[in-house]
Amino acid sequence: MATLNQIGLDSKKSAQLGKGLNDLLANYHIFFQNLRGFHWNIKGQDFFTLHIKFEEIYTQSIEDIDLIAERIRTLGLTPIHAYSEYLKISEVKELKNHSNPQQTVRDTLNNFSILLVKERAIMKLADDAEDDGTSTLMSDFIRAQEKLVWMLSAWLNK
């Protein structure tokens, strides 16, 4: 018989979800900081467009980060909260001094690809654990990010 956590979910499956969510949290933090750097350092004719777009994306990302951490807490677990830990486990790599419009958009698209793969894997785990809260959260993230991938790809003429 499974042991249930405080919201009635299998504790072992919740722990597995928490691990995936903490991994996503780490990747999101590095993604967020990269976007801030792009926002601050972008140059060229597309400055105004991309400066605003990167701010929109990082503003949404910080809200998503909070939702991820709160979901981890809801599952009865502890979100990691040290950048040293984020840097150790994140597949999204820290990017420094990027200012080229084409490269920053390509980097953002690559990072979205990493996040989307992780979110889909978490959603599968959540579905298996009958965790509608986590599944819905991932679905919301995926829907919004897929639209941004389409838009940024269109900007690159892909």
C-alpha atoms as a PDB file:
ATOM      1  CA  MET A   1       0.000   0.000   0.000  1.00  0.00           C
ATOM      2  CA  ALA A   2       1.336   3.421  -0.979  1.00  0.00           C
ATOM      3  CA  THR A   3       2.016   6.098   1.586  1.00  0.00           C
ATOM      4  CA  LEU A   4       0.219   9.310   0.695  1.00  0.00           C
ATOM      5  CA  ASN A   5       1.483  12.843   1.145  1.00  0.00           C
ATOM      6  CA  GLN A   6      -0.580  15.728   2.553  1.00  0.00           C
ATOM      7  CA  ILE A   7      -2.471  16.245  -0.722  1.00  0.00           C
ATOM      8  CA  GLY A   8      -3.295  12.569  -1.171  1.00  0.00           C
ATOM      9  CA  LEU A   9      -0.655  11.630  -3.733  1.00  0.00           C
ATOM     10  CA  ASP A  10       1.734   8.686  -3.559  1.00  0.00           C
ATOM     11  CA  SER A  11       4.774   9.926  -1.619  1.00  0.00           C
ATOM     12  CA  LYS A  12       7.303   8.042  -3.751  1.00  0.00           C
ATOM     13  CA  LYS A  13       5.837   9.321  -6.993  1.00  0.00           C
ATOM     14  CA  SER A  14       5.700  12.831  -5.520  1.00  0.00           C
ATOM     15  CA  ALA A  15       9.384  12.593  -4.587  1.00  0.00           C
ATOM     16  CA  GLN A  16      10.168  11.634  -8.191  1.00  0.00           C
ATOM     17  CA  LEU A  17       8.098  14.590  -9.410  1.00  0.00           C
ATOM     18  CA  GLY A  18       9.896  16.860  -6.956  1.00  0.00           C
ATOM     19  CA  LYS A  19      13.239  15.791  -8.370  1.00  0.00           C
ATOM     20  CA  GLY A  20      12.061  16.603 -11.900  1.00  0.00           C
ATOM     21  CA  LEU A  21      10.575  19.907 -10.793  1.00  0.00           C
ATOM     22  CA  ASN A  22      13.797  20.883  -9.005  1.00  0.00           C
ATOM     23  CA  ASP A  23      15.715  20.100 -12.175  1.00  0.00           C
ATOM     24  CA  LEU A  24      13.276  22.270 -14.129  1.00  0.00           C
ATOM     25  CA  LEU A  25      13.629  25.002 -11.498  1.00  0.00           C
ATOM     26  CA  ALA A  26      17.413  25.026 -11.931  1.00  0.00           C
ATOM     27  CA  ASN A  27      17.123  25.228 -15.708  1.00  0.00           C
ATOM     28  CA  TYR A  28      14.523  27.977 -15.473  1.00  0.00           C
ATOM     29  CA  HIS A  29      16.744  30.103 -13.242  1.00  0.00           C
ATOM     30  CA  ILE A  30      19.648  29.972 -15.675  1.00  0.00           C
ATOM     31  CA  PHE A  31      17.241  30.587 -18.576  1.00  0.00           C
ATOM     32  CA  PHE A  32      15.853  33.622 -16.712  1.00  0.00           C
ATOM     33  CA  GLN A  33      19.291  35.084 -16.061  1.00  0.00           C
ATOM     34  CA  ASN A  34      20.334  34.575 -19.676  1.00  0.00           C
ATOM     35  CA  LEU A  35      17.236  36.447 -20.812  1.00  0.00           C
ATOM     36  CA  ARG A  36      18.045  39.335 -18.472  1.00  0.00           C
ATOM     37  CA  GLY A  37      21.510  39.523 -19.982  1.00  0.00           C
ATOM     38  CA  PHE A  38      20.076  39.504 -23.492  1.00  0.00           C
ATOM     39  CA  HIS A  39      17.633  42.244 -22.499  1.00  0.00           C
ATOM     40  CA  TRP A  40      20.408  44.416 -21.072  1.00  0.00           C
ATOM     41  CA  ASN A  41      23.007  43.823 -23.770  1.00  0.00           C
ATOM     42  CA  ILE A  42      21.129  43.454 -27.064  1.00  0.00           C
ATOM     43  CA  LYS A  43      22.452  45.733 -29.855  1.00  0.00           C
ATOM     44  CA  GLY A  44      21.557  46.616 -33.397  1.00  0.00           C
ATOM     45  CA  GLN A  45      18.540  47.588 -35.435  1.00  0.00           C
ATOM     46  CA  ASP A  46      16.353  45.110 -33.579  1.00  0.00           C
ATOM     47  CA  PHE A  47      17.225  46.557 -30.167  1.00  0.00           C
ATOM     48  CA  PHE A  48      13.795  47.975 -29.360  1.00  0.00           C
ATOM     49  CA  THR A  49      11.866  44.911 -30.479  1.00  0.00           C
ATOM     50  CA  LEU A  50      14.094  42.361 -28.744  1.00  0.00           C
ATOM     51  CA  HIS A  51      14.708  44.474 -25.634  1.00  0.00           C
ATOM     52  CA  ILE A  52      10.956  44.467 -25.011  1.00  0.00           C
ATOM     53  CA  LYS A  53      10.458  40.810 -26.027  1.00  0.00           C
ATOM     54  CA  PHE A  54      13.231  39.537 -23.738  1.00  0.00           C
ATOM     55  CA  GLU A  55      11.736  41.533 -20.863  1.00  0.00           C
ATOM     56  CA  GLU A  56       8.324  39.969 -21.535  1.00  0.00           C
ATOM     57  CA  ILE A  57       9.818  36.478 -21.557  1.00  0.00           C
ATOM     58  CA  TYR A  58      11.931  36.928 -18.425  1.00  0.00           C
ATOM     59  CA  THR A  59       9.006  38.518 -16.570  1.00  0.00           C
ATOM     60  CA  GLN A  60       6.886  35.450 -17.372  1.00  0.00           C
ATOM     61  CA  SER A  61       9.804  33.192 -16.494  1.00  0.00           C
ATOM     62  CA  ILE A  62      10.164  34.622 -12.993  1.00  0.00           C
ATOM     63  CA  GLU A  63       6.450  34.013 -12.433  1.00  0.00           C
ATOM     64  CA  ASP A  64       6.877  30.442 -13.708  1.00  0.00           C
ATOM     65  CA  ILE A  65       9.851  29.937 -11.380  1.00  0.00           C
ATOM     66  CA  ASP A  66       7.658  30.880  -8.434  1.00  0.00           C
ATOM     67  CA  LEU A  67       4.928  28.485  -9.573  1.00  0.00           C
ATOM     68  CA  ILE A  68       7.430  25.639  -9.893  1.00  0.00           C
ATOM     69  CA  ALA A  69       8.883  26.250  -6.428  1.00  0.00           C
ATOM     70  CA  GLU A  70       5.410  26.511  -4.906  1.00  0.00           C
ATOM     71  CA  ARG A  71       4.377  23.268  -6.584  1.00  0.00           C
ATOM     72  CA  ILE A  72       7.402  21.540  -5.092  1.00  0.00           C
ATOM     73  CA  ARG A  73       6.324  22.832  -1.667  1.00  0.00           C
ATOM     74  CA  THR A  74       2.738  21.708  -2.325  1.00  0.00           C
ATOM     75  CA  LEU A  75       4.076  18.199  -2.908  1.00  0.00           C
ATOM     76  CA  GLY A  76       5.676  18.415   0.555  1.00  0.00           C
ATOM     77  CA  LEU A  77       9.219  18.824  -0.723  1.00  0.00           C
ATOM     78  CA  THR A  78      11.868  21.549  -0.683  1.00  0.00           C
ATOM     79  CA  PRO A  79      12.821  23.567  -3.756  1.00  0.00           C
ATOM     80  CA  ILE A  80      16.527  24.054  -4.294  1.00  0.00           C
ATOM     81  CA  HIS A  81      17.421  27.711  -4.046  1.00  0.00           C
ATOM     82  CA  ALA A  82      21.166  28.150  -4.532  1.00  0.00           C
ATOM     83  CA  TYR A  83      22.632  29.279  -7.849  1.00  0.00           C
ATOM     84  CA  SER A  84      25.625  27.013  -7.222  1.00  0.00           C
ATOM     85  CA  GLU A  85      23.206  24.059  -7.303  1.00  0.00           C
ATOM     86  CA  TYR A  86      21.410  25.417 -10.351  1.00  0.00           C
ATOM     87  CA  LEU A  87      24.675  25.691 -12.258  1.00  0.00           C
ATOM     88  CA  LYS A  88      25.640  22.112 -11.342  1.00  0.00           C
ATOM     89  CA  ILE A  89      22.463  20.495 -12.650  1.00  0.00           C
ATOM     90  CA  SER A  90      21.143  22.815 -15.357  1.00  0.00           C
ATOM     91  CA  GLU A  91      21.322  21.761 -18.979  1.00  0.00           C
ATOM     92  CA  VAL A  92      20.613  25.379 -19.898  1.00  0.00           C
ATOM     93  CA  LYS A  93      24.073  26.898 -19.868  1.00  0.00           C
ATOM     94  CA  GLU A  94      25.032  30.267 -18.500  1.00  0.00           C
ATOM     95  CA  LEU A  95      25.664  32.682 -21.372  1.00  0.00           C
ATOM     96  CA  LYS A  96      27.800  35.784 -20.961  1.00  0.00           C
ATOM     97  CA  ASN A  97      27.979  39.018 -22.937  1.00  0.00           C
ATOM     98  CA  HIS A  98      25.700  38.015 -25.795  1.00  0.00           C
ATOM     99  CA  SER A  99      24.462  41.000 -27.774  1.00  0.00           C
ATOM    100  CA  ASN A 100      23.943  39.726 -31.329  1.00  0.00           C
ATOM    101  CA  PRO A 101      20.207  39.630 -32.112  1.00  0.00           C
ATOM    102  CA  GLN A 102      20.292  36.452 -34.226  1.00  0.00           C
ATOM    103  CA  GLN A 103      22.418  34.569 -31.689  1.00  0.00           C
ATOM    104  CA  THR A 104      20.340  35.597 -28.674  1.00  0.00           C
ATOM    105  CA  VAL A 105      17.145  34.449 -30.373  1.00  0.00           C
ATOM    106  CA  ARG A 106      18.777  31.146 -31.389  1.00  0.00           C
ATOM    107  CA  ASP A 107      20.026  30.673 -27.822  1.00  0.00           C
ATOM    108  CA  THR A 108      16.547  31.384 -26.466  1.00  0.00           C
ATOM    109  CA  LEU A 109      15.033  28.841 -28.859  1.00  0.00           C
ATOM    110  CA  ASN A 110      17.613  26.226 -27.843  1.00  0.00           C
ATOM    111  CA  ASN A 111      16.845  26.858 -24.187  1.00  0.00           C
ATOM    112  CA  PHE A 112      13.106  26.596 -24.789  1.00  0.00           C
ATOM    113  CA  SER A 113      13.773  23.200 -26.384  1.00  0.00           C
ATOM    114  CA  ILE A 114      15.480  22.030 -23.188  1.00  0.00           C
ATOM    115  CA  LEU A 115      12.629  23.320 -21.003  1.00  0.00           C
ATOM    116  CA  LEU A 116       9.937  21.778 -23.208  1.00  0.00           C
ATOM    117  CA  VAL A 117      11.514  18.317 -23.106  1.00  0.00           C
ATOM    118  CA  LYS A 118      11.744  18.501 -19.310  1.00  0.00           C
ATOM    119  CA  GLU A 119       8.171  19.766 -18.958  1.00  0.00           C
ATOM    120  CA  ARG A 120       6.791  16.963 -21.128  1.00  0.00           C
ATOM    121  CA  ALA A 121       8.688  14.372 -19.061  1.00  0.00           C
ATOM    122  CA  ILE A 122       7.327  15.885 -15.831  1.00  0.00           C
ATOM    123  CA  MET A 123       3.818  15.897 -17.274  1.00  0.00           C
ATOM    124  CA  LYS A 124       4.100  12.156 -18.021  1.00  0.00           C
ATOM    125  CA  LEU A 125       5.273  11.495 -14.463  1.00  0.00           C
ATOM    126  CA  ALA A 126       2.457  13.663 -13.116  1.00  0.00           C
ATOM    127  CA  ASP A 127      -0.127  11.816 -15.178  1.00  0.00           C
ATOM    128  CA  ASP A 128       1.198   8.501 -13.846  1.00  0.00           C
ATOM    129  CA  ALA A 129       0.984   9.846 -10.279  1.00  0.00           C
ATOM    130  CA  GLU A 130      -2.542  11.184 -10.908  1.00  0.00           C
ATOM    131  CA  ASP A 131      -1.187  14.636 -10.052  1.00  0.00           C
ATOM    132  CA  ASP A 132      -3.490  16.917 -12.010  1.00  0.00           C
ATOM    133  CA  GLY A 133      -1.985  20.052 -10.431  1.00  0.00           C
ATOM    134  CA  THR A 134       1.516  19.404 -11.746  1.00  0.00           C
ATOM    135  CA  SER A 135       0.217  18.102 -15.065  1.00  0.00           C
ATOM    136  CA  THR A 136      -1.878  21.222 -15.627  1.00  0.00           C
ATOM    137  CA  LEU A 137       1.021  23.476 -14.675  1.00  0.00           C
ATOM    138  CA  MET A 138       3.280  21.772 -17.214  1.00  0.00           C
ATOM    139  CA  SER A 139       0.557  21.910 -19.862  1.00  0.00           C
ATOM    140  CA  ASP A 140       0.178  25.655 -19.314  1.00  0.00           C
ATOM    141  CA  PHE A 141       3.943  26.187 -19.610  1.00  0.00           C
ATOM    142  CA  ILE A 142       4.161  24.055 -22.750  1.00  0.00           C
ATOM    143  CA  ARG A 143       1.309  25.849 -24.499  1.00  0.00           C
ATOM    144  CA  ALA A 144       2.787  29.305 -23.844  1.00  0.00           C
ATOM    145  CA  GLN A 145       6.335  28.284 -24.742  1.00  0.00           C
ATOM    146  CA  GLU A 146       5.343  26.583 -27.975  1.00  0.00           C
ATOM    147  CA  LYS A 147       3.759  29.854 -29.095  1.00  0.00           C
ATOM    148  CA  LEU A 148       6.956  31.744 -28.251  1.00  0.00           C
ATOM    149  CA  VAL A 149       9.010  29.166 -30.164  1.00  0.00           C
ATOM    150  CA  TRP A 150       6.808  29.735 -33.196  1.00  0.00           C
ATOM    151  CA  MET A 151       7.126  33.526 -32.917  1.00  0.00           C
ATOM    152  CA  LEU A 152      10.877  33.577 -32.341  1.00  0.00           C
ATOM    153  CA  SER A 153      11.368  31.083 -35.190  1.00  0.00           C
ATOM    154  CA  ALA A 154       9.310  33.338 -37.457  1.00  0.00           C
ATOM    155  CA  TRP A 155      11.527  36.280 -36.442  1.00  0.00           C
ATOM    156  CA  LEU A 156      14.540  34.219 -37.584  1.00  0.00           C
ATOM    157  CA  ASN A 157      12.693  33.345 -40.826  1.00  0.00           C
ATOM    158  CA  LYS A 158      12.743  29.643 -39.949  1.00  0.00           C
END
